């Protein structure tokens, strides 16, 4: 498999960047009011350093808080931190658990990340056929990174 892209990372092929529809200050207010989507967005802002200084501890905190409130995208984002070993010790088993749970509950980004875990054999022997299935499901649901991943392993 080639290099995969997720989480709004800039890549050599795209200039994709994260954009928020509301100012970061409003995200803070909503996050403090226990809005899981706002918490996830704030976690992403800290992870990427968008409108705030990059702070992996804060990203982890907000993703974990959003997960506890049932935010599926936050589960996928927290899994990403475990896959990359960002702030936490790299742990593919925890990452897989998180993405399987989020994918089973309908999160297309988690389905893409599951394809990454399966395709690279991070928790068991690599299986490109199963990875393609996960990428295809995510791509059909609009995940741009999944379409790129399908092209890379085709």
Protein backbone atom coordinates (compact mmCIF):
# COMPACT_ATOMS: atom_id res chain seq x y z
CA UNK A 1 0.00 0.00 0.00
CA UNK A 2 1.11 3.54 -0.62
CA UNK A 3 0.89 6.48 1.72
CA UNK A 4 -2.62 7.16 3.05
CA UNK A 5 -4.20 10.45 4.00
CA UNK A 6 -6.70 11.30 6.69
CA UNK A 7 -7.67 13.96 9.19
CA UNK A 8 -7.24 16.92 6.84
CA UNK A 9 -3.47 16.50 6.64
CA UNK A 10 -1.88 18.32 3.76
CA UNK A 11 -0.42 15.89 1.29
CA UNK A 12 1.69 16.16 -1.83
CA UNK A 13 -1.40 15.47 -3.97
CA UNK A 14 -3.80 17.93 -2.33
CA UNK A 15 -3.88 21.20 -0.51
CA UNK A 16 -6.76 20.05 1.72
CA UNK A 17 -7.00 22.09 4.91
CA UNK A 18 -9.31 22.03 7.87
CA UNK A 19 -11.92 24.78 7.95
CA UNK A 20 -14.38 25.51 10.69
CA UNK A 21 -17.78 27.08 10.08
CA UNK A 22 -17.73 28.86 13.43
CA UNK A 23 -14.98 30.88 15.15
CA UNK A 24 -12.78 28.96 17.59
CA UNK A 25 -14.12 31.06 20.49
CA UNK A 26 -17.62 29.73 19.87
CA UNK A 27 -16.23 26.20 19.72
CA UNK A 28 -14.78 26.75 23.20
CA UNK A 29 -18.17 27.82 24.54
CA UNK A 30 -19.99 24.91 22.94
CA UNK A 31 -17.31 22.46 24.07
CA UNK A 32 -17.61 23.66 27.66
CA UNK A 33 -21.38 23.13 27.38
CA UNK A 34 -20.70 19.44 26.59
CA UNK A 35 -21.37 19.64 22.83
CA UNK A 36 -19.52 16.56 21.53
CA UNK A 37 -19.17 17.86 17.96
CA UNK A 38 -17.67 21.12 19.21
CA UNK A 39 -15.31 19.14 21.44
CA UNK A 40 -14.24 17.06 18.45
CA UNK A 41 -13.66 20.19 16.36
CA UNK A 42 -11.67 21.75 19.16
CA UNK A 43 -9.60 18.57 19.44
CA UNK A 44 -8.93 18.77 15.70
CA UNK A 45 -7.93 22.43 16.04
CA UNK A 46 -5.38 21.52 18.72
CA UNK A 47 -4.16 18.51 16.77
CA UNK A 48 -3.55 20.55 13.63
CA UNK A 49 -2.78 23.94 15.19
CA UNK A 50 -5.72 25.68 13.49
CA UNK A 51 -6.54 29.04 15.12
CA UNK A 52 -4.70 27.79 18.26
CA UNK A 53 -1.19 26.63 19.05
CA UNK A 54 -0.78 22.94 18.36
CA UNK A 55 -1.21 21.06 21.63
CA UNK A 56 -1.46 17.28 21.50
CA UNK A 57 -2.42 16.96 25.17
CA UNK A 58 -5.37 19.29 24.61
CA UNK A 59 -6.31 17.42 21.42
CA UNK A 60 -6.34 14.14 23.34
CA UNK A 61 -8.39 15.68 26.15
CA UNK A 62 -11.08 17.03 23.80
CA UNK A 63 -11.24 13.90 21.64
CA UNK A 64 -11.56 11.71 24.76
CA UNK A 65 -14.27 13.98 26.19
CA UNK A 66 -16.18 13.90 22.89
CA UNK A 67 -15.83 10.09 22.77
CA UNK A 68 -17.35 9.85 26.22
CA UNK A 69 -20.33 11.81 24.87
CA UNK A 70 -20.69 9.43 21.90
CA UNK A 71 -19.04 11.41 19.09
CA UNK A 72 -18.09 8.89 16.40
CA UNK A 73 -15.67 11.21 14.59
CA UNK A 74 -13.85 11.77 17.88
CA UNK A 75 -13.44 8.00 18.24
CA UNK A 76 -11.83 7.92 14.83
CA UNK A 77 -9.64 10.91 15.65
CA UNK A 78 -8.55 9.41 18.96
CA UNK A 79 -7.71 6.20 17.12
CA UNK A 80 -5.55 8.26 14.77
CA UNK A 81 -3.58 9.54 17.76
CA UNK A 82 -3.00 5.94 18.90
CA UNK A 83 -1.98 4.85 15.39
CA UNK A 84 0.55 7.67 15.08
CA UNK A 85 1.65 7.66 18.72
CA UNK A 86 0.71 11.33 19.15
CA UNK A 87 0.75 12.25 22.85
CA UNK A 88 -0.08 8.62 23.70
CA UNK A 89 2.03 5.53 23.27
CA UNK A 90 1.39 3.96 19.86
CA UNK A 91 -1.19 1.20 20.37
CA UNK A 92 -2.78 -0.39 17.33
CA UNK A 93 -5.11 -2.60 19.39
CA UNK A 94 -6.75 0.40 21.07
CA UNK A 95 -6.90 2.19 17.72
CA UNK A 96 -8.59 -0.78 16.09
CA UNK A 97 -11.10 -1.10 18.92
CA UNK A 98 -12.02 2.58 18.55
CA UNK A 99 -12.36 2.53 14.76
CA UNK A 100 -14.31 -0.73 14.75
CA UNK A 101 -16.76 0.72 17.28
CA UNK A 102 -17.12 3.98 15.35
CA UNK A 103 -17.40 2.20 11.97
CA UNK A 104 -20.02 -0.20 13.34
CA UNK A 105 -22.02 2.84 14.45
CA UNK A 106 -21.81 4.44 11.00
CA UNK A 107 -18.75 6.71 10.95
CA UNK A 108 -17.33 6.77 7.40
CA UNK A 109 -13.94 8.21 8.47
CA UNK A 110 -13.57 5.35 10.93
CA UNK A 111 -14.32 2.91 8.10
CA UNK A 112 -11.43 4.46 6.15
CA UNK A 113 -9.14 4.21 9.18
CA UNK A 114 -10.16 0.59 9.63
CA UNK A 115 -9.05 -0.01 6.06
CA UNK A 116 -5.69 1.53 6.92
CA UNK A 117 -5.28 -0.71 9.97
CA UNK A 118 -6.26 -3.83 8.01
CA UNK A 119 -4.35 -2.90 4.85
CA UNK A 120 -1.10 -2.26 6.69
CA UNK A 121 -1.57 -5.26 8.97
CA UNK A 122 -1.23 -3.19 12.11
CA UNK A 123 -3.03 -5.68 14.37
CA UNK A 124 -2.88 -8.85 12.28
CA UNK A 125 -1.64 -9.98 8.88
CA UNK A 126 -2.35 -7.40 6.18
CA UNK A 127 -5.42 -8.10 4.07
CA UNK A 128 -5.74 -5.81 1.06
CA UNK A 129 -9.08 -7.36 0.05
CA UNK A 130 -10.70 -6.45 3.38
CA UNK A 131 -8.98 -3.06 3.32
CA UNK A 132 -10.50 -2.38 -0.12
CA UNK A 133 -13.95 -3.21 1.26
CA UNK A 134 -13.53 -0.69 4.09
CA UNK A 135 -12.14 1.95 1.71
CA UNK A 136 -15.01 1.35 -0.74
CA UNK A 137 -17.62 1.77 2.01
CA UNK A 138 -15.99 5.00 3.20
CA UNK A 139 -15.52 6.30 -0.36
CA UNK A 140 -19.17 5.64 -1.17
CA UNK A 141 -20.04 7.73 1.87
CA UNK A 142 -17.95 10.66 0.65
CA UNK A 143 -14.55 10.24 2.35
CA UNK A 144 -12.02 11.70 -0.08
CA UNK A 145 -9.08 9.97 1.62
CA UNK A 146 -10.80 6.60 1.11
CA UNK A 147 -11.04 7.21 -2.65
CA UNK A 148 -7.33 8.02 -2.70
CA UNK A 149 -6.59 4.90 -0.68
CA UNK A 150 -8.59 2.78 -3.11
CA UNK A 151 -6.59 4.22 -6.00
CA UNK A 152 -3.33 3.50 -4.18
CA UNK A 153 -4.05 -0.19 -3.64
CA UNK A 154 -5.87 -0.85 -6.93
